[in-house]
Amino acid sequence: MMPDTPFGQWLMTQTDRAGLVGQLATGAHADRRFPRTGDPEAVRKHLSAMQADGDMFDAVDDAELDWLCA
């Protein structure tokens, strides 16, 4: 079952987290084109289009697991 809050919105609430997820969330706030209502795949596509560092894709994987458990 999918959480009620879209992944992009949930991720943007994670700016206080340490590590890569927190960095990803902070970057999402600064990015006007970030898919705020998108799912994890939309975020991965956006990061790919932005030529993001590979660590950010790992952060999406970690964040997705946390989001699904929220």
PDB file of N, CA and C in Angstrom:
ATOM      1  N   MET A   1       0.827  -1.177   0.000  1.00  0.00           N
ATOM      2  CA  MET A   1       0.000   0.000   0.000  1.00  0.00           C
ATOM      3  C   MET A   1       0.879   1.251   0.000  1.00  0.00           C
ATOM      4  N   MET A   2       0.532   2.207  -0.842  1.00  0.00           N
ATOM      5  CA  MET A   2       1.302   3.432  -0.960  1.00  0.00           C
ATOM      6  C   MET A   2       0.899   4.422   0.132  1.00  0.00           C
ATOM      7  N   PRO A   3       1.860   5.176   0.647  1.00  0.00           N
ATOM      8  CA  PRO A   3       1.529   6.209   1.631  1.00  0.00           C
ATOM      9  C   PRO A   3       0.634   7.293   1.020  1.00  0.00           C
ATOM     10  N   ASP A   4      -0.091   7.994   1.875  1.00  0.00           N
ATOM     11  CA  ASP A   4      -0.986   9.060   1.418  1.00  0.00           C
ATOM     12  C   ASP A   4      -0.226  10.277   0.896  1.00  0.00           C
ATOM     13  N   THR A   5       0.897  10.586   1.496  1.00  0.00           N
ATOM     14  CA  THR A   5       1.683  11.748   1.092  1.00  0.00           C
ATOM     15  C   THR A   5       2.564  11.375  -0.095  1.00  0.00           C
ATOM     16  N   PRO A   6       2.515  12.154  -1.177  1.00  0.00           N
ATOM     17  CA  PRO A   6       3.399  11.870  -2.312  1.00  0.00           C
ATOM     18  C   PRO A   6       4.870  11.867  -1.870  1.00  0.00           C
ATOM     19  N   PHE A   7       5.650  11.039  -2.511  1.00  0.00           N
ATOM     20  CA  PHE A   7       7.057  10.891  -2.151  1.00  0.00           C
ATOM     21  C   PHE A   7       7.787  12.227  -2.177  1.00  0.00           C
ATOM     22  N   GLY A   8       7.592  13.002  -3.222  1.00  0.00           N
ATOM     23  CA  GLY A   8       8.290  14.283  -3.334  1.00  0.00           C
ATOM     24  C   GLY A   8       7.980  15.209  -2.173  1.00  0.00           C
ATOM     25  N   GLN A   9       6.729  15.280  -1.777  1.00  0.00           N
ATOM     26  CA  GLN A   9       6.349  16.123  -0.637  1.00  0.00           C
ATOM     27  C   GLN A   9       6.957  15.592   0.650  1.00  0.00           C
ATOM     28  N   TRP A  10       6.876  14.293   0.843  1.00  0.00           N
ATOM     29  CA  TRP A  10       7.452  13.686   2.040  1.00  0.00           C
ATOM     30  C   TRP A  10       8.948  13.960   2.113  1.00  0.00           C
ATOM     31  N   LEU A  11       9.635  13.797   0.982  1.00  0.00           N
ATOM     32  CA  LEU A  11      11.077  14.000   0.955  1.00  0.00           C
ATOM     33  C   LEU A  11      11.438  15.418   1.382  1.00  0.00           C
ATOM     34  N   MET A  12      10.650  16.378   0.960  1.00  0.00           N
ATOM     35  CA  MET A  12      10.960  17.762   1.294  1.00  0.00           C
ATOM     36  C   MET A  12      10.805  18.055   2.788  1.00  0.00           C
ATOM     37  N   THR A  13      10.192  17.169   3.547  1.00  0.00           N
ATOM     38  CA  THR A  13      10.087  17.346   5.000  1.00  0.00           C
ATOM     39  C   THR A  13      11.298  16.763   5.728  1.00  0.00           C
ATOM     40  N   GLN A  14      12.218  16.188   4.985  1.00  0.00           N
ATOM     41  CA  GLN A  14      13.345  15.475   5.590  1.00  0.00           C
ATOM     42  C   GLN A  14      14.628  16.307   5.647  1.00  0.00           C
ATOM     43  N   THR A  15      14.528  17.631   5.552  1.00  0.00           N
ATOM     44  CA  THR A  15      15.723  18.483   5.506  1.00  0.00           C
ATOM     45  C   THR A  15      16.555  18.433   6.778  1.00  0.00           C
ATOM     46  N   ASP A  16      15.967  18.050   7.896  1.00  0.00           N
ATOM     47  CA  ASP A  16      16.712  17.992   9.153  1.00  0.00           C
ATOM     48  C   ASP A  16      17.482  16.687   9.342  1.00  0.00           C
ATOM     49  N   ARG A  17      17.329  15.774   8.408  1.00  0.00           N
ATOM     50  CA  ARG A  17      18.033  14.492   8.518  1.00  0.00           C
ATOM     51  C   ARG A  17      19.497  14.644   8.173  1.00  0.00           C
ATOM     52  N   ALA A  18      20.297  13.834   8.812  1.00  0.00           N
ATOM     53  CA  ALA A  18      21.721  13.792   8.504  1.00  0.00           C
ATOM     54  C   ALA A  18      21.934  12.937   7.262  1.00  0.00           C
ATOM     55  N   GLY A  19      23.055  13.084   6.652  1.00  0.00           N
ATOM     56  CA  GLY A  19      23.440  12.220   5.551  1.00  0.00           C
ATOM     57  C   GLY A  19      22.848  12.609   4.212  1.00  0.00           C
ATOM     58  N   LEU A  20      22.871  11.644   3.307  1.00  0.00           N
ATOM     59  CA  LEU A  20      22.478  11.901   1.924  1.00  0.00           C
ATOM     60  C   LEU A  20      21.002  12.226   1.756  1.00  0.00           C
ATOM     61  N   VAL A  21      20.136  11.613   2.548  1.00  0.00           N
ATOM     62  CA  VAL A  21      18.707  11.904   2.433  1.00  0.00           C
ATOM     63  C   VAL A  21      18.458  13.368   2.783  1.00  0.00           C
ATOM     64  N   GLY A  22      19.101  13.858   3.830  1.00  0.00           N
ATOM     65  CA  GLY A  22      18.978  15.262   4.200  1.00  0.00           C
ATOM     66  C   GLY A  22      19.509  16.182   3.112  1.00  0.00           C
ATOM     67  N   GLN A  23      20.616  15.794   2.497  1.00  0.00           N
ATOM     68  CA  GLN A  23      21.176  16.588   1.397  1.00  0.00           C
ATOM     69  C   GLN A  23      20.224  16.607   0.202  1.00  0.00           C
ATOM     70  N   LEU A  24      19.648  15.464  -0.096  1.00  0.00           N
ATOM     71  CA  LEU A  24      18.693  15.378  -1.194  1.00  0.00           C
ATOM     72  C   LEU A  24      17.480  16.260  -0.915  1.00  0.00           C
ATOM     73  N   ALA A  25      16.980  16.214   0.311  1.00  0.00           N
ATOM     74  CA  ALA A  25      15.819  17.031   0.680  1.00  0.00           C
ATOM     75  C   ALA A  25      16.140  18.516   0.582  1.00  0.00           C
ATOM     76  N   THR A  26      17.306  18.899   1.025  1.00  0.00           N
ATOM     77  CA  THR A  26      17.720  20.302   0.941  1.00  0.00           C
ATOM     78  C   THR A  26      17.824  20.739  -0.516  1.00  0.00           C
ATOM     79  N   GLY A  27      18.392  19.885  -1.347  1.00  0.00           N
ATOM     80  CA  GLY A  27      18.477  20.188  -2.773  1.00  0.00           C
ATOM     81  C   GLY A  27      17.112  20.281  -3.423  1.00  0.00           C
ATOM     82  N   ALA A  28      16.188  19.451  -2.977  1.00  0.00           N
ATOM     83  CA  ALA A  28      14.831  19.490  -3.525  1.00  0.00           C
ATOM     84  C   ALA A  28      14.168  20.833  -3.241  1.00  0.00           C
ATOM     85  N   HIS A  29      14.400  21.368  -2.058  1.00  0.00           N
ATOM     86  CA  HIS A  29      13.841  22.683  -1.702  1.00  0.00           C
ATOM     87  C   HIS A  29      14.375  23.777  -2.614  1.00  0.00           C
ATOM     88  N   ALA A  30      15.631  23.671  -2.989  1.00  0.00           N
ATOM     89  CA  ALA A  30      16.258  24.706  -3.812  1.00  0.00           C
ATOM     90  C   ALA A  30      15.924  24.568  -5.297  1.00  0.00           C
ATOM     91  N   ASP A  31      15.397  23.425  -5.696  1.00  0.00           N
ATOM     92  CA  ASP A  31      15.142  23.122  -7.113  1.00  0.00           C
ATOM     93  C   ASP A  31      13.684  23.398  -7.461  1.00  0.00           C
ATOM     94  N   ARG A  32      13.448  24.434  -8.219  1.00  0.00           N
ATOM     95  CA  ARG A  32      12.081  24.815  -8.574  1.00  0.00           C
ATOM     96  C   ARG A  32      11.394  23.772  -9.454  1.00  0.00           C
ATOM     97  N   ARG A  33      12.162  22.933 -10.100  1.00  0.00           N
ATOM     98  CA  ARG A  33      11.596  21.912 -10.993  1.00  0.00           C
ATOM     99  C   ARG A  33      11.476  20.540 -10.347  1.00  0.00           C
ATOM    100  N   PHE A  34      11.802  20.444  -9.075  1.00  0.00           N
ATOM    101  CA  PHE A  34      11.725  19.169  -8.378  1.00  0.00           C
ATOM    102  C   PHE A  34      10.289  18.649  -8.406  1.00  0.00           C
ATOM    103  N   PRO A  35      10.100  17.359  -8.722  1.00  0.00           N
ATOM    104  CA  PRO A  35       8.737  16.791  -8.798  1.00  0.00           C
ATOM    105  C   PRO A  35       8.108  16.579  -7.418  1.00  0.00           C
ATOM    106  N   ARG A  36       7.576  17.645  -6.870  1.00  0.00           N
ATOM    107  CA  ARG A  36       7.049  17.631  -5.506  1.00  0.00           C
ATOM    108  C   ARG A  36       5.905  16.636  -5.314  1.00  0.00           C
ATOM    109  N   THR A  37       5.141  16.394  -6.331  1.00  0.00           N
ATOM    110  CA  THR A  37       4.045  15.431  -6.208  1.00  0.00           C
ATOM    111  C   THR A  37       4.406  14.095  -6.860  1.00  0.00           C
ATOM    112  N   GLY A  38       5.667  13.943  -7.215  1.00  0.00           N
ATOM    113  CA  GLY A  38       6.104  12.741  -7.909  1.00  0.00           C
ATOM    114  C   GLY A  38       6.389  11.571  -6.996  1.00  0.00           C
ATOM    115  N   ASP A  39       6.447  10.407  -7.624  1.00  0.00           N
ATOM    116  CA  ASP A  39       6.827   9.188  -6.924  1.00  0.00           C
ATOM    117  C   ASP A  39       8.350   9.031  -6.990  1.00  0.00           C
ATOM    118  N   PRO A  40       8.900   8.004  -6.365  1.00  0.00           N
ATOM    119  CA  PRO A  40      10.355   7.830  -6.391  1.00  0.00           C
ATOM    120  C   PRO A  40      10.928   7.750  -7.811  1.00  0.00           C
ATOM    121  N   GLU A  41      10.210   7.129  -8.718  1.00  0.00           N
ATOM    122  CA  GLU A  41      10.715   7.028 -10.086  1.00  0.00           C
ATOM    123  C   GLU A  41      10.776   8.399 -10.760  1.00  0.00           C
ATOM    124  N   ALA A  42       9.809   9.253 -10.493  1.00  0.00           N
ATOM    125  CA  ALA A  42       9.833  10.611 -11.047  1.00  0.00           C
ATOM    126  C   ALA A  42      11.035  11.382 -10.511  1.00  0.00           C
ATOM    127  N   VAL A  43      11.357  11.166  -9.240  1.00  0.00           N
ATOM    128  CA  VAL A  43      12.523  11.824  -8.652  1.00  0.00           C
ATOM    129  C   VAL A  43      13.803  11.291  -9.299  1.00  0.00           C
ATOM    130  N   ARG A  44      13.876   9.980  -9.514  1.00  0.00           N
ATOM    131  CA  ARG A  44      15.060   9.411 -10.177  1.00  0.00           C
ATOM    132  C   ARG A  44      15.219   9.972 -11.599  1.00  0.00           C
ATOM    133  N   LYS A  45      14.128  10.080 -12.327  1.00  0.00           N
ATOM    134  CA  LYS A  45      14.187  10.635 -13.683  1.00  0.00           C
ATOM    135  C   LYS A  45      14.659  12.086 -13.655  1.00  0.00           C
ATOM    136  N   HIS A  46      14.161  12.829 -12.689  1.00  0.00           N
ATOM    137  CA  HIS A  46      14.571  14.224 -12.559  1.00  0.00           C
ATOM    138  C   HIS A  46      16.066  14.313 -12.240  1.00  0.00           C
ATOM    139  N   LEU A  47      16.530  13.507 -11.314  1.00  0.00           N
ATOM    140  CA  LEU A  47      17.947  13.506 -10.972  1.00  0.00           C
ATOM    141  C   LEU A  47      18.805  13.119 -12.166  1.00  0.00           C
ATOM    142  N   SER A  48      18.330  12.166 -12.942  1.00  0.00           N
ATOM    143  CA  SER A  48      19.061  11.748 -14.130  1.00  0.00           C
ATOM    144  C   SER A  48      19.155  12.896 -15.132  1.00  0.00           C
ATOM    145  N   ALA A  49      18.058  13.590 -15.335  1.00  0.00           N
ATOM    146  CA  ALA A  49      18.050  14.730 -16.260  1.00  0.00           C
ATOM    147  C   ALA A  49      18.979  15.842 -15.782  1.00  0.00           C
ATOM    148  N   MET A  50      19.118  15.961 -14.462  1.00  0.00           N
ATOM    149  CA  MET A  50      19.981  16.987 -13.874  1.00  0.00           C
ATOM    150  C   MET A  50      21.441  16.518 -13.769  1.00  0.00           C
ATOM    151  N   GLN A  51      21.704  15.290 -14.191  1.00  0.00           N
ATOM    152  CA  GLN A  51      23.029  14.675 -14.115  1.00  0.00           C
ATOM    153  C   GLN A  51      23.570  14.693 -12.682  1.00  0.00           C
ATOM    154  N   ALA A  52      22.709  14.291 -11.770  1.00  0.00           N
ATOM    155  CA  ALA A  52      23.063  14.276 -10.350  1.00  0.00           C
ATOM    156  C   ALA A  52      24.119  13.221 -10.056  1.00  0.00           C
ATOM    157  N   ASP A  53      24.816  13.432  -8.975  1.00  0.00           N
ATOM    158  CA  ASP A  53      25.819  12.501  -8.487  1.00  0.00           C
ATOM    159  C   ASP A  53      25.154  11.169  -8.138  1.00  0.00           C
ATOM    160  N   GLY A  54      25.857  10.081  -8.335  1.00  0.00           N
ATOM    161  CA  GLY A  54      25.329   8.750  -8.061  1.00  0.00           C
ATOM    162  C   GLY A  54      24.865   8.554  -6.632  1.00  0.00           C
ATOM    163  N   ASP A  55      25.486   9.267  -5.691  1.00  0.00           N
ATOM    164  CA  ASP A  55      25.080   9.157  -4.291  1.00  0.00           C
ATOM    165  C   ASP A  55      23.640   9.611  -4.086  1.00  0.00           C
ATOM    166  N   MET A  56      23.175  10.532  -4.900  1.00  0.00           N
ATOM    167  CA  MET A  56      21.804  11.024  -4.754  1.00  0.00           C
ATOM    168  C   MET A  56      20.792   9.939  -5.131  1.00  0.00           C
ATOM    169  N   PHE A  57      21.165   9.065  -6.054  1.00  0.00           N
ATOM    170  CA  PHE A  57      20.290   7.953  -6.404  1.00  0.00           C
ATOM    171  C   PHE A  57      20.218   6.947  -5.246  1.00  0.00           C
ATOM    172  N   ASP A  58      21.349   6.763  -4.565  1.00  0.00           N
ATOM    173  CA  ASP A  58      21.349   5.926  -3.360  1.00  0.00           C
ATOM    174  C   ASP A  58      20.461   6.548  -2.286  1.00  0.00           C
ATOM    175  N   ALA A  59      20.498   7.870  -2.188  1.00  0.00           N
ATOM    176  CA  ALA A  59      19.663   8.574  -1.213  1.00  0.00           C
ATOM    177  C   ALA A  59      18.185   8.372  -1.526  1.00  0.00           C
ATOM    178  N   VAL A  60      17.823   8.383  -2.808  1.00  0.00           N
ATOM    179  CA  VAL A  60      16.431   8.138  -3.190  1.00  0.00           C
ATOM    180  C   VAL A  60      16.026   6.731  -2.766  1.00  0.00           C
ATOM    181  N   ASP A  61      16.899   5.766  -2.975  1.00  0.00           N
ATOM    182  CA  ASP A  61      16.600   4.386  -2.565  1.00  0.00           C
ATOM    183  C   ASP A  61      16.343   4.304  -1.061  1.00  0.00           C
ATOM    184  N   ASP A  62      17.211   4.932  -0.278  1.00  0.00           N
ATOM    185  CA  ASP A  62      17.054   4.926   1.171  1.00  0.00           C
ATOM    186  C   ASP A  62      15.773   5.641   1.593  1.00  0.00           C
ATOM    187  N   ALA A  63      15.539   6.794   0.986  1.00  0.00           N
ATOM    188  CA  ALA A  63      14.353   7.579   1.321  1.00  0.00           C
ATOM    189  C   ALA A  63      13.080   6.838   0.941  1.00  0.00           C
ATOM    190  N   GLU A  64      13.113   6.136  -0.185  1.00  0.00           N
ATOM    191  CA  GLU A  64      11.924   5.397  -0.614  1.00  0.00           C
ATOM    192  C   GLU A  64      11.530   4.348   0.424  1.00  0.00           C
ATOM    193  N   LEU A  65      12.507   3.642   0.950  1.00  0.00           N
ATOM    194  CA  LEU A  65      12.217   2.630   1.968  1.00  0.00           C
ATOM    195  C   LEU A  65      11.601   3.268   3.211  1.00  0.00           C
ATOM    196  N   ASP A  66      12.160   4.399   3.631  1.00  0.00           N
ATOM    197  CA  ASP A  66      11.614   5.095   4.801  1.00  0.00           C
ATOM    198  C   ASP A  66      10.210   5.598   4.533  1.00  0.00           C
ATOM    199  N   TRP A  67       9.981   6.141   3.342  1.00  0.00           N
ATOM    200  CA  TRP A  67       8.668   6.660   2.953  1.00  0.00           C
ATOM    201  C   TRP A  67       7.617   5.542   2.960  1.00  0.00           C
ATOM    202  N   LEU A  68       7.984   4.389   2.441  1.00  0.00           N
ATOM    203  CA  LEU A  68       7.045   3.273   2.399  1.00  0.00           C
ATOM    204  C   LEU A  68       6.709   2.755   3.797  1.00  0.00           C
ATOM    205  N   CYS A  69       7.621   2.935   4.733  1.00  0.00           N
ATOM    206  CA  CYS A  69       7.400   2.492   6.104  1.00  0.00           C
ATOM    207  C   CYS A  69       6.726   3.546   6.984  1.00  0.00           C
ATOM    208  N   ALA A  70       6.598   4.758   6.449  1.00  0.00           N
ATOM    209  CA  ALA A  70       6.025   5.869   7.249  1.00  0.00           C
ATOM    210  C   ALA A  70       4.540   5.700   7.440  1.00  0.00           C
TER     211      ALA A  70
END
